[in-house]
Amino acid sequence: MTLHFYKSSYSNSFDNCVEVADILPAFRKSSYSTSHDNCVEVADLSAGAAVRDSKNPEFGHLAFAAEEWAAFVRALRRDAFGTW
C-alpha cells in the first residue's frame, strides 16, 4: 500500500498546514490478462479486496468484503459464470 498525502482543505496558503494521507492499495493485473490494457486490476485490502479498470484507474475502485471476494473467487474456480 502507498500513502498519498494532500493538504487539508482547512489549511491556509501558508506553509503551516496539516497534511492528510490516504492509503492507496497496491493494484496488480491478473496473470490471465493479455498484453493489452483491457483488464481488471485487484488489490488486497485489510478487510477484503478492491477491483478497478486498468484503462481508467482514476475512476476509483470497488471494494468487496473478504467473504464476498472469497465467494466470487470460488465461483470463478468452478466456472459458475461460464467464462472458461
PDB file of N, CA and C in Angstrom:
ATOM      1  N   MET A   1       0.837  -1.175   0.000  1.00  0.00           N
ATOM      2  CA  MET A   1       0.000   0.000   0.000  1.00  0.00           C
ATOM      3  C   MET A   1       0.885   1.243   0.000  1.00  0.00           C
ATOM      4  N   THR A   2       0.364   2.289  -0.573  1.00  0.00           N
ATOM      5  CA  THR A   2       1.087   3.542  -0.706  1.00  0.00           C
ATOM      6  C   THR A   2       0.320   4.648  -0.002  1.00  0.00           C
ATOM      7  N   LEU A   3       1.039   5.580   0.583  1.00  0.00           N
ATOM      8  CA  LEU A   3       0.386   6.738   1.195  1.00  0.00           C
ATOM      9  C   LEU A   3       0.377   7.884   0.204  1.00  0.00           C
ATOM     10  N   HIS A   4      -0.761   8.534   0.074  1.00  0.00           N
ATOM     11  CA  HIS A   4      -0.903   9.713  -0.788  1.00  0.00           C
ATOM     12  C   HIS A   4      -1.264  10.876   0.113  1.00  0.00           C
ATOM     13  N   PHE A   5      -0.350  11.840   0.248  1.00  0.00           N
ATOM     14  CA  PHE A   5      -0.578  12.990   1.128  1.00  0.00           C
ATOM     15  C   PHE A   5      -1.123  14.176   0.339  1.00  0.00           C
ATOM     16  N   TYR A   6      -2.008  14.920   0.971  1.00  0.00           N
ATOM     17  CA  TYR A   6      -2.520  16.158   0.396  1.00  0.00           C
ATOM     18  C   TYR A   6      -2.856  17.116   1.526  1.00  0.00           C
ATOM     19  N   LYS A   7      -2.888  18.400   1.198  1.00  0.00           N
ATOM     20  CA  LYS A   7      -3.172  19.417   2.214  1.00  0.00           C
ATOM     21  C   LYS A   7      -4.643  19.398   2.587  1.00  0.00           C
ATOM     22  N   SER A   8      -4.889  19.605   3.831  1.00  0.00           N
ATOM     23  CA  SER A   8      -6.259  19.688   4.322  1.00  0.00           C
ATOM     24  C   SER A   8      -6.933  20.914   3.721  1.00  0.00           C
ATOM     25  N   SER A   9      -8.222  20.826   3.471  1.00  0.00           N
ATOM     26  CA  SER A   9      -8.952  21.972   2.933  1.00  0.00           C
ATOM     27  C   SER A   9      -9.042  23.100   3.961  1.00  0.00           C
ATOM     28  N   TYR A  10      -8.736  22.802   5.223  1.00  0.00           N
ATOM     29  CA  TYR A  10      -8.748  23.816   6.272  1.00  0.00           C
ATOM     30  C   TYR A  10      -7.414  24.553   6.376  1.00  0.00           C
ATOM     31  N   SER A  11      -6.417  24.119   5.626  1.00  0.00           N
ATOM     32  CA  SER A  11      -5.113  24.775   5.671  1.00  0.00           C
ATOM     33  C   SER A  11      -5.157  26.075   4.880  1.00  0.00           C
ATOM     34  N   ASN A  12      -4.376  27.026   5.315  1.00  0.00           N
ATOM     35  CA  ASN A  12      -4.309  28.291   4.576  1.00  0.00           C
ATOM     36  C   ASN A  12      -3.205  28.203   3.526  1.00  0.00           C
ATOM     37  N   SER A  13      -2.928  29.280   2.868  1.00  0.00           N
ATOM     38  CA  SER A  13      -1.922  29.274   1.806  1.00  0.00           C
ATOM     39  C   SER A  13      -0.494  29.342   2.344  1.00  0.00           C
ATOM     40  N   PHE A  14      -0.343  29.478   3.662  1.00  0.00           N
ATOM     41  CA  PHE A  14       0.982  29.493   4.254  1.00  0.00           C
ATOM     42  C   PHE A  14       1.523  28.069   4.365  1.00  0.00           C
ATOM     43  N   ASP A  15       2.760  27.963   4.770  1.00  0.00           N
ATOM     44  CA  ASP A  15       3.375  26.645   4.901  1.00  0.00           C
ATOM     45  C   ASP A  15       2.958  25.915   6.173  1.00  0.00           C
ATOM     46  N   ASN A  16       2.249  26.603   7.072  1.00  0.00           N
ATOM     47  CA  ASN A  16       1.784  25.962   8.299  1.00  0.00           C
ATOM     48  C   ASN A  16       0.465  25.263   8.011  1.00  0.00           C
ATOM     49  N   CYS A  17       0.548  24.018   7.608  1.00  0.00           N
ATOM     50  CA  CYS A  17      -0.677  23.321   7.237  1.00  0.00           C
ATOM     51  C   CYS A  17      -0.637  21.883   7.721  1.00  0.00           C
ATOM     52  N   VAL A  18      -1.772  21.292   7.674  1.00  0.00           N
ATOM     53  CA  VAL A  18      -1.920  19.892   8.045  1.00  0.00           C
ATOM     54  C   VAL A  18      -2.025  19.093   6.757  1.00  0.00           C
ATOM     55  N   GLU A  19      -1.292  17.986   6.685  1.00  0.00           N
ATOM     56  CA  GLU A  19      -1.422  17.098   5.544  1.00  0.00           C
ATOM     57  C   GLU A  19      -2.138  15.836   5.985  1.00  0.00           C
ATOM     58  N   VAL A  20      -2.996  15.363   5.119  1.00  0.00           N
ATOM     59  CA  VAL A  20      -3.794  14.175   5.375  1.00  0.00           C
ATOM     60  C   VAL A  20      -3.336  13.098   4.402  1.00  0.00           C
ATOM     61  N   ALA A  21      -3.356  11.854   4.834  1.00  0.00           N
ATOM     62  CA  ALA A  21      -2.919  10.771   3.956  1.00  0.00           C
ATOM     63  C   ALA A  21      -4.043   9.796   3.676  1.00  0.00           C
ATOM     64  N   ASP A  22      -4.125   9.400   2.429  1.00  0.00           N
ATOM     65  CA  ASP A  22      -4.976   8.281   2.021  1.00  0.00           C
ATOM     66  C   ASP A  22      -4.052   7.090   1.839  1.00  0.00           C
ATOM     67  N   ILE A  23      -4.502   5.936   2.222  1.00  0.00           N
ATOM     68  CA  ILE A  23      -3.734   4.732   1.954  1.00  0.00           C
ATOM     69  C   ILE A  23      -4.228   4.173   0.633  1.00  0.00           C
ATOM     70  N   LEU A  24      -3.326   4.125  -0.337  1.00  0.00           N
ATOM     71  CA  LEU A  24      -3.694   3.639  -1.661  1.00  0.00           C
ATOM     72  C   LEU A  24      -3.286   2.176  -1.782  1.00  0.00           C
ATOM     73  N   PRO A  25      -4.208   1.324  -2.181  1.00  0.00           N
ATOM     74  CA  PRO A  25      -3.869  -0.087  -2.326  1.00  0.00           C
ATOM     75  C   PRO A  25      -2.922  -0.325  -3.495  1.00  0.00           C
ATOM     76  N   ALA A  26      -2.140  -1.393  -3.400  1.00  0.00           N
ATOM     77  CA  ALA A  26      -1.214  -1.770  -4.474  1.00  0.00           C
ATOM     78  C   ALA A  26      -1.956  -2.706  -5.434  1.00  0.00           C
ATOM     79  N   PHE A  27      -2.330  -2.194  -6.582  1.00  0.00           N
ATOM     80  CA  PHE A  27      -3.083  -2.970  -7.559  1.00  0.00           C
ATOM     81  C   PHE A  27      -2.152  -3.814  -8.417  1.00  0.00           C
ATOM     82  N   ARG A  28      -2.648  -4.975  -8.845  1.00  0.00           N
ATOM     83  CA  ARG A  28      -1.897  -5.856  -9.732  1.00  0.00           C
ATOM     84  C   ARG A  28      -2.851  -6.406 -10.792  1.00  0.00           C
ATOM     85  N   LYS A  29      -2.297  -6.710 -11.963  1.00  0.00           N
ATOM     86  CA  LYS A  29      -3.091  -7.296 -13.041  1.00  0.00           C
ATOM     87  C   LYS A  29      -3.128  -8.812 -12.866  1.00  0.00           C
ATOM     88  N   SER A  30      -4.186  -9.398 -13.326  1.00  0.00           N
ATOM     89  CA  SER A  30      -4.324 -10.841 -13.285  1.00  0.00           C
ATOM     90  C   SER A  30      -3.275 -11.489 -14.175  1.00  0.00           C
ATOM     91  N   SER A  31      -2.808 -12.654 -13.762  1.00  0.00           N
ATOM     92  CA  SER A  31      -1.852 -13.398 -14.593  1.00  0.00           C
ATOM     93  C   SER A  31      -2.529 -13.905 -15.865  1.00  0.00           C
ATOM     94  N   TYR A  32      -3.871 -13.887 -15.902  1.00  0.00           N
ATOM     95  CA  TYR A  32      -4.606 -14.301 -17.086  1.00  0.00           C
ATOM     96  C   TYR A  32      -4.801 -13.150 -18.072  1.00  0.00           C
ATOM     97  N   SER A  33      -4.406 -11.952 -17.698  1.00  0.00           N
ATOM     98  CA  SER A  33      -4.564 -10.798 -18.588  1.00  0.00           C
ATOM     99  C   SER A  33      -3.610 -10.912 -19.760  1.00  0.00           C
ATOM    100  N   THR A  34      -4.065 -10.418 -20.883  1.00  0.00           N
ATOM    101  CA  THR A  34      -3.210 -10.401 -22.067  1.00  0.00           C
ATOM    102  C   THR A  34      -2.291  -9.194 -21.989  1.00  0.00           C
ATOM    103  N   SER A  35      -1.504  -9.005 -22.998  1.00  0.00           N
ATOM    104  CA  SER A  35      -0.597  -7.856 -23.021  1.00  0.00           C
ATOM    105  C   SER A  35      -1.330  -6.551 -23.324  1.00  0.00           C
ATOM    106  N   HIS A  36      -2.620  -6.647 -23.640  1.00  0.00           N
ATOM    107  CA  HIS A  36      -3.414  -5.449 -23.910  1.00  0.00           C
ATOM    108  C   HIS A  36      -3.795  -4.773 -22.594  1.00  0.00           C
ATOM    109  N   ASP A  37      -4.343  -3.585 -22.690  1.00  0.00           N
ATOM    110  CA  ASP A  37      -4.730  -2.838 -21.493  1.00  0.00           C
ATOM    111  C   ASP A  37      -6.164  -3.121 -21.046  1.00  0.00           C
ATOM    112  N   ASN A  38      -6.821  -4.071 -21.666  1.00  0.00           N
ATOM    113  CA  ASN A  38      -8.207  -4.382 -21.312  1.00  0.00           C
ATOM    114  C   ASN A  38      -8.238  -5.426 -20.205  1.00  0.00           C
ATOM    115  N   CYS A  39      -8.012  -5.009 -18.997  1.00  0.00           N
ATOM    116  CA  CYS A  39      -8.014  -5.970 -17.909  1.00  0.00           C
ATOM    117  C   CYS A  39      -8.476  -5.317 -16.613  1.00  0.00           C
ATOM    118  N   VAL A  40      -8.695  -6.158 -15.658  1.00  0.00           N
ATOM    119  CA  VAL A  40      -9.120  -5.741 -14.332  1.00  0.00           C
ATOM    120  C   VAL A  40      -7.923  -5.867 -13.409  1.00  0.00           C
ATOM    121  N   GLU A  41      -7.768  -4.913 -12.516  1.00  0.00           N
ATOM    122  CA  GLU A  41      -6.702  -4.964 -11.523  1.00  0.00           C
ATOM    123  C   GLU A  41      -7.317  -5.209 -10.150  1.00  0.00           C
ATOM    124  N   VAL A  42      -6.602  -5.948  -9.320  1.00  0.00           N
ATOM    125  CA  VAL A  42      -7.076  -6.306  -7.989  1.00  0.00           C
ATOM    126  C   VAL A  42      -6.033  -5.890  -6.972  1.00  0.00           C
ATOM    127  N   ALA A  43      -6.492  -5.469  -5.809  1.00  0.00           N
ATOM    128  CA  ALA A  43      -5.603  -5.122  -4.698  1.00  0.00           C
ATOM    129  C   ALA A  43      -6.131  -5.760  -3.421  1.00  0.00           C
ATOM    130  N   ASP A  44      -5.222  -6.221  -2.592  1.00  0.00           N
ATOM    131  CA  ASP A  44      -5.602  -6.756  -1.286  1.00  0.00           C
ATOM    132  C   ASP A  44      -5.874  -5.602  -0.335  1.00  0.00           C
ATOM    133  N   LEU A  45      -6.968  -5.692   0.394  1.00  0.00           N
ATOM    134  CA  LEU A  45      -7.301  -4.734   1.445  1.00  0.00           C
ATOM    135  C   LEU A  45      -7.293  -5.478   2.772  1.00  0.00           C
ATOM    136  N   SER A  46      -7.201  -4.765   3.844  1.00  0.00           N
ATOM    137  CA  SER A  46      -7.175  -5.412   5.153  1.00  0.00           C
ATOM    138  C   SER A  46      -8.459  -6.184   5.427  1.00  0.00           C
ATOM    139  N   ALA A  47      -9.569  -5.774   4.819  1.00  0.00           N
ATOM    140  CA  ALA A  47     -10.850  -6.433   5.076  1.00  0.00           C
ATOM    141  C   ALA A  47     -11.464  -7.034   3.809  1.00  0.00           C
ATOM    142  N   GLY A  48     -10.655  -7.288   2.774  1.00  0.00           N
ATOM    143  CA  GLY A  48     -11.193  -7.852   1.545  1.00  0.00           C
ATOM    144  C   GLY A  48     -10.330  -7.548   0.343  1.00  0.00           C
ATOM    145  N   ALA A  49     -10.970  -7.073  -0.730  1.00  0.00           N
ATOM    146  CA  ALA A  49     -10.255  -6.795  -1.973  1.00  0.00           C
ATOM    147  C   ALA A  49     -10.872  -5.582  -2.664  1.00  0.00           C
ATOM    148  N   ALA A  50     -10.069  -4.944  -3.508  1.00  0.00           N
ATOM    149  CA  ALA A  50     -10.526  -3.820  -4.324  1.00  0.00           C
ATOM    150  C   ALA A  50     -10.293  -4.182  -5.785  1.00  0.00           C
ATOM    151  N   VAL A  51     -11.192  -3.746  -6.657  1.00  0.00           N
ATOM    152  CA  VAL A  51     -11.117  -4.038  -8.083  1.00  0.00           C
ATOM    153  C   VAL A  51     -11.282  -2.729  -8.844  1.00  0.00           C
ATOM    154  N   ARG A  52     -10.482  -2.565  -9.908  1.00  0.00           N
ATOM    155  CA  ARG A  52     -10.608  -1.370 -10.748  1.00  0.00           C
ATOM    156  C   ARG A  52     -10.307  -1.712 -12.202  1.00  0.00           C
ATOM    157  N   ASP A  53     -10.688  -0.830 -13.080  1.00  0.00           N
ATOM    158  CA  ASP A  53     -10.443  -0.954 -14.513  1.00  0.00           C
ATOM    159  C   ASP A  53      -9.044  -0.425 -14.802  1.00  0.00           C
ATOM    160  N   SER A  54      -8.203  -1.227 -15.440  1.00  0.00           N
ATOM    161  CA  SER A  54      -6.826  -0.797 -15.701  1.00  0.00           C
ATOM    162  C   SER A  54      -6.759   0.363 -16.683  1.00  0.00           C
ATOM    163  N   LYS A  55      -7.767   0.517 -17.539  1.00  0.00           N
ATOM    164  CA  LYS A  55      -7.766   1.623 -18.503  1.00  0.00           C
ATOM    165  C   LYS A  55      -8.120   2.951 -17.857  1.00  0.00           C
ATOM    166  N   ASN A  56      -8.865   2.902 -16.750  1.00  0.00           N
ATOM    167  CA  ASN A  56      -9.342   4.120 -16.098  1.00  0.00           C
ATOM    168  C   ASN A  56      -9.132   4.065 -14.583  1.00  0.00           C
ATOM    169  N   PRO A  57      -7.911   3.937 -14.117  1.00  0.00           N
ATOM    170  CA  PRO A  57      -7.691   3.827 -12.674  1.00  0.00           C
ATOM    171  C   PRO A  57      -8.113   5.070 -11.901  1.00  0.00           C
ATOM    172  N   GLU A  58      -8.170   6.205 -12.576  1.00  0.00           N
ATOM    173  CA  GLU A  58      -8.563   7.446 -11.909  1.00  0.00           C
ATOM    174  C   GLU A  58     -10.048   7.466 -11.540  1.00  0.00           C
ATOM    175  N   PHE A  59     -10.816   6.524 -12.069  1.00  0.00           N
ATOM    176  CA  PHE A  59     -12.239   6.453 -11.744  1.00  0.00           C
ATOM    177  C   PHE A  59     -12.494   5.778 -10.405  1.00  0.00           C
ATOM    178  N   GLY A  60     -11.452   5.311  -9.752  1.00  0.00           N
ATOM    179  CA  GLY A  60     -11.592   4.687  -8.444  1.00  0.00           C
ATOM    180  C   GLY A  60     -11.720   3.180  -8.529  1.00  0.00           C
ATOM    181  N   HIS A  61     -12.170   2.604  -7.454  1.00  0.00           N
ATOM    182  CA  HIS A  61     -12.270   1.144  -7.380  1.00  0.00           C
ATOM    183  C   HIS A  61     -13.517   0.729  -6.611  1.00  0.00           C
ATOM    184  N   LEU A  62     -13.856  -0.523  -6.734  1.00  0.00           N
ATOM    185  CA  LEU A  62     -14.934  -1.125  -5.964  1.00  0.00           C
ATOM    186  C   LEU A  62     -14.297  -1.975  -4.876  1.00  0.00           C
ATOM    187  N   ALA A  63     -14.775  -1.844  -3.663  1.00  0.00           N
ATOM    188  CA  ALA A  63     -14.246  -2.624  -2.548  1.00  0.00           C
ATOM    189  C   ALA A  63     -15.237  -3.723  -2.192  1.00  0.00           C
ATOM    190  N   PHE A  64     -14.703  -4.893  -1.898  1.00  0.00           N
ATOM    191  CA  PHE A  64     -15.514  -6.042  -1.527  1.00  0.00           C
ATOM    192  C   PHE A  64     -15.034  -6.603  -0.198  1.00  0.00           C
ATOM    193  N   ALA A  65     -15.981  -6.977   0.646  1.00  0.00           N
ATOM    194  CA  ALA A  65     -15.646  -7.612   1.920  1.00  0.00           C
ATOM    195  C   ALA A  65     -14.993  -8.962   1.636  1.00  0.00           C
ATOM    196  N   ALA A  66     -14.203  -9.441   2.576  1.00  0.00           N
ATOM    197  CA  ALA A  66     -13.465 -10.691   2.403  1.00  0.00           C
ATOM    198  C   ALA A  66     -14.394 -11.851   2.037  1.00  0.00           C
ATOM    199  N   GLU A  67     -15.550 -11.938   2.695  1.00  0.00           N
ATOM    200  CA  GLU A  67     -16.482 -13.035   2.429  1.00  0.00           C
ATOM    201  C   GLU A  67     -17.029 -12.957   1.003  1.00  0.00           C
ATOM    202  N   GLU A  68     -17.348 -11.767   0.545  1.00  0.00           N
ATOM    203  CA  GLU A  68     -17.857 -11.581  -0.819  1.00  0.00           C
ATOM    204  C   GLU A  68     -16.791 -11.961  -1.850  1.00  0.00           C
ATOM    205  N   TRP A  69     -15.567 -11.501  -1.620  1.00  0.00           N
ATOM    206  CA  TRP A  69     -14.481 -11.770  -2.557  1.00  0.00           C
ATOM    207  C   TRP A  69     -14.178 -13.266  -2.613  1.00  0.00           C
ATOM    208  N   ALA A  70     -14.155 -13.928  -1.463  1.00  0.00           N
ATOM    209  CA  ALA A  70     -13.895 -15.370  -1.419  1.00  0.00           C
ATOM    210  C   ALA A  70     -14.979 -16.133  -2.175  1.00  0.00           C
ATOM    211  N   ALA A  71     -16.234 -15.733  -2.025  1.00  0.00           N
ATOM    212  CA  ALA A  71     -17.328 -16.392  -2.740  1.00  0.00           C
ATOM    213  C   ALA A  71     -17.188 -16.189  -4.247  1.00  0.00           C
ATOM    214  N   PHE A  72     -16.793 -15.012  -4.668  1.00  0.00           N
ATOM    215  CA  PHE A  72     -16.591 -14.719  -6.084  1.00  0.00           C
ATOM    216  C   PHE A  72     -15.469 -15.584  -6.663  1.00  0.00           C
ATOM    217  N   VAL A  73     -14.353 -15.667  -5.955  1.00  0.00           N
ATOM    218  CA  VAL A  73     -13.216 -16.469  -6.423  1.00  0.00           C
ATOM    219  C   VAL A  73     -13.610 -17.949  -6.496  1.00  0.00           C
ATOM    220  N   ARG A  74     -14.338 -18.449  -5.510  1.00  0.00           N
ATOM    221  CA  ARG A  74     -14.803 -19.850  -5.548  1.00  0.00           C
ATOM    222  C   ARG A  74     -15.682 -20.090  -6.777  1.00  0.00           C
ATOM    223  N   ALA A  75     -16.573 -19.150  -7.067  1.00  0.00           N
ATOM    224  CA  ALA A  75     -17.457 -19.279  -8.232  1.00  0.00           C
ATOM    225  C   ALA A  75     -16.650 -19.280  -9.527  1.00  0.00           C
ATOM    226  N   LEU A  76     -15.626 -18.435  -9.613  1.00  0.00           N
ATOM    227  CA  LEU A  76     -14.768 -18.428 -10.799  1.00  0.00           C
ATOM    228  C   LEU A  76     -14.063 -19.756 -10.971  1.00  0.00           C
ATOM    229  N   ARG A  77     -13.555 -20.304  -9.885  1.00  0.00           N
ATOM    230  CA  ARG A  77     -12.806 -21.567  -9.958  1.00  0.00           C
ATOM    231  C   ARG A  77     -13.684 -22.726 -10.426  1.00  0.00           C
ATOM    232  N   ARG A  78     -14.949 -22.714 -10.100  1.00  0.00           N
ATOM    233  CA  ARG A  78     -15.832 -23.797 -10.554  1.00  0.00           C
ATOM    234  C   ARG A  78     -16.557 -23.412 -11.852  1.00  0.00           C
ATOM    235  N   ASP A  79     -16.156 -22.292 -12.443  1.00  0.00           N
ATOM    236  CA  ASP A  79     -16.681 -21.817 -13.722  1.00  0.00           C
ATOM    237  C   ASP A  79     -18.196 -21.583 -13.671  1.00  0.00           C
ATOM    238  N   ALA A  80     -18.672 -21.026 -12.571  1.00  0.00           N
ATOM    239  CA  ALA A  80     -20.094 -20.766 -12.401  1.00  0.00           C
ATOM    240  C   ALA A  80     -20.629 -19.724 -13.364  1.00  0.00           C
ATOM    241  N   PHE A  81     -19.749 -18.901 -13.927  1.00  0.00           N
ATOM    242  CA  PHE A  81     -20.186 -17.840 -14.834  1.00  0.00           C
ATOM    243  C   PHE A  81     -20.074 -18.259 -16.298  1.00  0.00           C
ATOM    244  N   GLY A  82     -19.566 -19.471 -16.558  1.00  0.00           N
ATOM    245  CA  GLY A  82     -19.431 -19.966 -17.933  1.00  0.00           C
ATOM    246  C   GLY A  82     -18.471 -19.174 -18.780  1.00  0.00           C
ATOM    247  N   THR A  83     -17.392 -18.668 -18.140  1.00  0.00           N
ATOM    248  CA  THR A  83     -16.450 -17.818 -18.865  1.00  0.00           C
ATOM    249  C   THR A  83     -15.262 -18.587 -19.430  1.00  0.00           C
ATOM    250  N   TRP A  84     -15.027 -19.794 -18.957  1.00  0.00           N
ATOM    251  CA  TRP A  84     -13.835 -20.536 -19.415  1.00  0.00           C
ATOM    252  C   TRP A  84     -14.268 -21.554 -20.387  1.00  0.00           C
TER     253      TRP A  84
END
